Amino acid sequence: MGSDDPSAAELTYETEHDVQQNDILVVASDGVFDNIFEHDILECVNRYYNPKTSKVDVEEAAKCIGK
């Protein structure tokens, strides 16, 4: 049976992805990915993406995701 005890967390998860120029990486805890739909995260990132600079306002995107 699972546990919410942080010391029991599995820390060996590994994966590989091909990252391309201008890709946007969203790094967050499982608490974000377990509780927020991927399309909602994408909506927040897109809302604060500036195509002229190819940058995301990280602080505003994080606030949006946290709502």
N, C-alpha and C. Protein backbone atom coordinates (compact mmCIF):
# COMPACT_ATOMS: atom_id res chain seq x y z
N MET A 1 0.84 -1.17 0.00
CA MET A 1 0.00 0.00 0.00
C MET A 1 0.89 1.24 0.00
N GLY A 2 0.45 2.30 -0.67
CA GLY A 2 1.23 3.53 -0.79
C GLY A 2 1.33 4.29 0.51
N SER A 3 2.18 5.28 0.50
CA SER A 3 2.41 6.09 1.69
C SER A 3 2.63 7.53 1.28
N ASP A 4 2.17 8.46 2.12
CA ASP A 4 2.44 9.87 1.88
C ASP A 4 3.68 10.33 2.63
N ASP A 5 4.40 9.39 3.22
CA ASP A 5 5.62 9.71 3.94
C ASP A 5 6.71 10.07 2.94
N PRO A 6 7.20 11.34 2.95
CA PRO A 6 8.21 11.75 1.97
C PRO A 6 9.46 10.89 1.96
N SER A 7 9.81 10.33 3.11
CA SER A 7 11.02 9.50 3.15
C SER A 7 10.84 8.19 2.41
N ALA A 8 9.59 7.82 2.10
CA ALA A 8 9.32 6.59 1.38
C ALA A 8 9.21 6.82 -0.13
N ALA A 9 9.45 8.03 -0.58
CA ALA A 9 9.28 8.38 -1.99
C ALA A 9 10.30 7.64 -2.86
N GLU A 10 9.85 7.26 -4.03
CA GLU A 10 10.72 6.62 -5.02
C GLU A 10 11.41 7.72 -5.81
N LEU A 11 12.72 7.78 -5.75
CA LEU A 11 13.47 8.86 -6.37
C LEU A 11 14.30 8.41 -7.56
N THR A 12 13.99 7.26 -8.13
CA THR A 12 14.83 6.73 -9.19
C THR A 12 14.16 6.75 -10.56
N TYR A 13 13.08 7.52 -10.71
CA TYR A 13 12.39 7.59 -11.99
C TYR A 13 13.27 8.30 -13.01
N GLU A 14 13.46 7.68 -14.15
CA GLU A 14 14.27 8.27 -15.21
C GLU A 14 13.52 8.16 -16.53
N THR A 15 13.70 9.16 -17.36
CA THR A 15 13.13 9.14 -18.70
C THR A 15 13.99 9.99 -19.61
N GLU A 16 13.88 9.77 -20.89
CA GLU A 16 14.65 10.56 -21.86
C GLU A 16 13.70 11.17 -22.87
N HIS A 17 14.02 12.39 -23.28
CA HIS A 17 13.25 13.09 -24.30
C HIS A 17 14.21 13.83 -25.21
N ASP A 18 13.87 13.92 -26.46
CA ASP A 18 14.64 14.75 -27.38
C ASP A 18 14.13 16.18 -27.24
N VAL A 19 14.99 17.07 -26.79
CA VAL A 19 14.63 18.47 -26.59
C VAL A 19 15.13 19.27 -27.78
N GLN A 20 14.24 20.07 -28.33
CA GLN A 20 14.55 20.89 -29.49
C GLN A 20 14.64 22.36 -29.07
N GLN A 21 15.29 23.16 -29.90
CA GLN A 21 15.35 24.59 -29.65
C GLN A 21 13.93 25.14 -29.56
N ASN A 22 13.71 26.03 -28.60
CA ASN A 22 12.41 26.68 -28.33
C ASN A 22 11.39 25.77 -27.66
N ASP A 23 11.76 24.55 -27.26
CA ASP A 23 10.87 23.73 -26.45
C ASP A 23 10.71 24.39 -25.09
N ILE A 24 9.58 24.19 -24.47
CA ILE A 24 9.32 24.71 -23.14
C ILE A 24 9.19 23.51 -22.20
N LEU A 25 10.01 23.49 -21.16
CA LEU A 25 9.96 22.40 -20.18
C LEU A 25 9.23 22.88 -18.94
N VAL A 26 8.29 22.07 -18.48
CA VAL A 26 7.58 22.36 -17.24
C VAL A 26 8.08 21.36 -16.21
N VAL A 27 8.75 21.87 -15.18
CA VAL A 27 9.29 21.03 -14.13
C VAL A 27 8.49 21.31 -12.87
N ALA A 28 7.90 20.26 -12.32
CA ALA A 28 7.05 20.42 -11.14
C ALA A 28 7.01 19.12 -10.36
N SER A 29 6.49 19.20 -9.17
CA SER A 29 6.37 18.01 -8.33
C SER A 29 5.19 17.15 -8.80
N ASP A 30 5.13 15.93 -8.29
CA ASP A 30 4.01 15.07 -8.62
C ASP A 30 2.70 15.67 -8.12
N GLY A 31 2.76 16.54 -7.12
CA GLY A 31 1.55 17.20 -6.62
C GLY A 31 0.90 18.04 -7.70
N VAL A 32 1.69 18.62 -8.58
CA VAL A 32 1.14 19.39 -9.70
C VAL A 32 0.59 18.44 -10.75
N PHE A 33 1.41 17.50 -11.19
CA PHE A 33 1.00 16.63 -12.29
C PHE A 33 -0.08 15.64 -11.89
N ASP A 34 -0.21 15.33 -10.61
CA ASP A 34 -1.26 14.43 -10.15
C ASP A 34 -2.61 15.14 -10.00
N ASN A 35 -2.59 16.46 -9.88
CA ASN A 35 -3.81 17.18 -9.54
C ASN A 35 -4.28 18.21 -10.57
N ILE A 36 -3.48 18.45 -11.58
CA ILE A 36 -3.85 19.45 -12.59
C ILE A 36 -3.75 18.79 -13.96
N PHE A 37 -4.80 18.96 -14.75
CA PHE A 37 -4.81 18.37 -16.08
C PHE A 37 -3.75 19.00 -16.96
N GLU A 38 -3.17 18.18 -17.83
CA GLU A 38 -2.12 18.66 -18.74
C GLU A 38 -2.60 19.84 -19.58
N HIS A 39 -3.85 19.79 -20.06
CA HIS A 39 -4.34 20.89 -20.90
C HIS A 39 -4.47 22.19 -20.11
N ASP A 40 -4.71 22.11 -18.79
CA ASP A 40 -4.77 23.32 -17.96
C ASP A 40 -3.37 23.93 -17.78
N ILE A 41 -2.37 23.07 -17.61
CA ILE A 41 -0.99 23.55 -17.51
C ILE A 41 -0.59 24.21 -18.83
N LEU A 42 -0.90 23.57 -19.93
CA LEU A 42 -0.57 24.11 -21.25
C LEU A 42 -1.25 25.45 -21.49
N GLU A 43 -2.50 25.57 -21.06
CA GLU A 43 -3.21 26.84 -21.21
C GLU A 43 -2.49 27.97 -20.48
N CYS A 44 -2.02 27.70 -19.27
CA CYS A 44 -1.29 28.72 -18.51
C CYS A 44 0.03 29.08 -19.17
N VAL A 45 0.75 28.08 -19.64
CA VAL A 45 2.04 28.36 -20.30
C VAL A 45 1.80 29.17 -21.57
N ASN A 46 0.81 28.79 -22.36
CA ASN A 46 0.52 29.52 -23.59
C ASN A 46 0.06 30.95 -23.32
N ARG A 47 -0.68 31.15 -22.25
CA ARG A 47 -1.18 32.48 -21.91
C ARG A 47 -0.03 33.45 -21.64
N TYR A 48 1.06 32.95 -21.05
CA TYR A 48 2.17 33.82 -20.67
C TYR A 48 3.41 33.63 -21.54
N TYR A 49 3.21 33.03 -22.71
CA TYR A 49 4.28 32.87 -23.68
C TYR A 49 4.31 34.10 -24.59
N ASN A 50 5.50 34.65 -24.80
CA ASN A 50 5.67 35.80 -25.67
C ASN A 50 6.37 35.32 -26.95
N PRO A 51 5.65 35.22 -28.05
CA PRO A 51 6.26 34.71 -29.28
C PRO A 51 7.36 35.61 -29.84
N LYS A 52 7.34 36.89 -29.49
CA LYS A 52 8.39 37.81 -29.99
C LYS A 52 9.74 37.49 -29.36
N THR A 53 9.73 37.05 -28.11
CA THR A 53 10.98 36.75 -27.41
C THR A 53 11.21 35.24 -27.23
N SER A 54 10.21 34.44 -27.56
CA SER A 54 10.24 32.98 -27.34
C SER A 54 10.46 32.64 -25.87
N LYS A 55 9.92 33.49 -24.98
CA LYS A 55 10.07 33.27 -23.54
C LYS A 55 8.70 33.22 -22.87
N VAL A 56 8.67 32.55 -21.74
CA VAL A 56 7.47 32.46 -20.92
C VAL A 56 7.70 33.27 -19.66
N ASP A 57 6.70 34.05 -19.25
CA ASP A 57 6.76 34.72 -17.95
C ASP A 57 6.50 33.64 -16.90
N VAL A 58 7.59 33.09 -16.39
CA VAL A 58 7.53 31.92 -15.52
C VAL A 58 6.72 32.20 -14.25
N GLU A 59 6.92 33.36 -13.68
CA GLU A 59 6.21 33.69 -12.44
C GLU A 59 4.71 33.73 -12.66
N GLU A 60 4.27 34.36 -13.73
CA GLU A 60 2.83 34.46 -14.00
C GLU A 60 2.25 33.10 -14.39
N ALA A 61 2.99 32.32 -15.16
CA ALA A 61 2.52 30.98 -15.53
C ALA A 61 2.39 30.11 -14.30
N ALA A 62 3.33 30.21 -13.37
CA ALA A 62 3.26 29.41 -12.14
C ALA A 62 2.06 29.84 -11.28
N LYS A 63 1.80 31.15 -11.21
CA LYS A 63 0.63 31.62 -10.46
C LYS A 63 -0.65 31.07 -11.08
N CYS A 64 -0.71 31.08 -12.40
CA CYS A 64 -1.87 30.57 -13.11
C CYS A 64 -2.08 29.07 -12.82
N ILE A 65 -1.01 28.30 -12.88
CA ILE A 65 -1.09 26.87 -12.62
C ILE A 65 -1.52 26.61 -11.19
N GLY A 66 -1.09 27.45 -10.27
CA GLY A 66 -1.40 27.28 -8.85
C GLY A 66 -2.82 27.67 -8.45
N LYS A 67 -3.54 28.30 -9.35
CA LYS A 67 -4.91 28.71 -9.01
C LYS A 67 -5.86 27.57 -8.96
